[in-house]
Amino acid sequence: MRTVIVGLVGSLLGACSPTGFLNSIADTSETHIERDIAYADGPRRRLDVYAPRAVQGAPIAIFYYGGGWDSGAKESYAFVAAALAAEGIVTIVPDYRIYPEVRFPDFLIDAALAARWAKDNAPAYGADPKRLVLVGHSAGAHIAAMLTLDRQWLASVRLDAKRDIAGTVGMAGPYDFLPLKSDRLREILGPPEGLAQTQPITFADGTAPPMLLMTGKIDFTVGPANSARLAEKITANGGEVKVIVYPWAEHLLILGAVARPFRAFAPTLRDTAAFIKERTPTL
């Protein structure tokens, strides 16, 4: 019976816009929100900030949403940012350029620019720039992992993952997904000879900040083996990583469970907030 309910909830989340439902029930009464702030030139290089009121020195998280690198909008994920802000975490949700306007690695370039903006502007929202964490779901988890593991992207904006990122949370992320199974992904990620450079697992050398990889046992969109293989390589190289497998979460529900009506299916919010606070202790 529970499997049937999970399937129905997943279908509901897939069919409905989070803006229309989950955002409508998000509690933002204690959150200061600023929208459409430019972090670089261009219409898709804007971000929203959700800051708990009357905080100083708070952790700051950047949430990179998913969408297969070809869809998505920051407004759809207000419920995620509001939930993290309610936990005392200043949260930024950036848009980034997507296919067909761009291909790999341009969305990584945008994600790094958003991180630079967050680092520079954290104090204005009551956040400590030294307490910066990257969070992502699905394709957004891929982006967060690439920024964490392949140091060239943050280096391009004068940041260093080991020095400037306290930790990274990936939800239902694709980290090791070759060979590609669709022509669209081949278009987005590039020619075959360069595909290894699009995979986070390629760069897992054990030197990156700690990572929390969350996955659903019944995720048939991005299989949990992605998280298991990445964690295995990080551990083998002496790095720090934790994997959480939620038995009743599928690809959309693992993120939807951040919202109050679905929290019984997976403690995504609790585990994310706990990791962020553990990795960013106050002095």
Foldseek 3Di string as FASTA:
>chain_A
DLLVVLVVVVVVPVVDQLLVPLVVPQDLVQWDKDWFDALDDDRQRGKMKTAGPPAAAFAEEEEEEDDPQADDDQSSCVNVQSLLNVLRYIYMYGGADGPPVAAPPRRLLSVLSVLLVCLVCVRVRRHHQQLYEYEYAEVSLLSSLCVQQVVPNNVVSPDGQLRRHLEYEYELYQQDDPPDDDPVNCVRHHDPVCNCNSHSLSRLQQRTHEYEYEYECPAPPRHPVRVVSSVVSNVVNNHHYHYHYQDSHYRSLLSVCSRVVNVVRDVNSVVVSVVSCVSSPDD
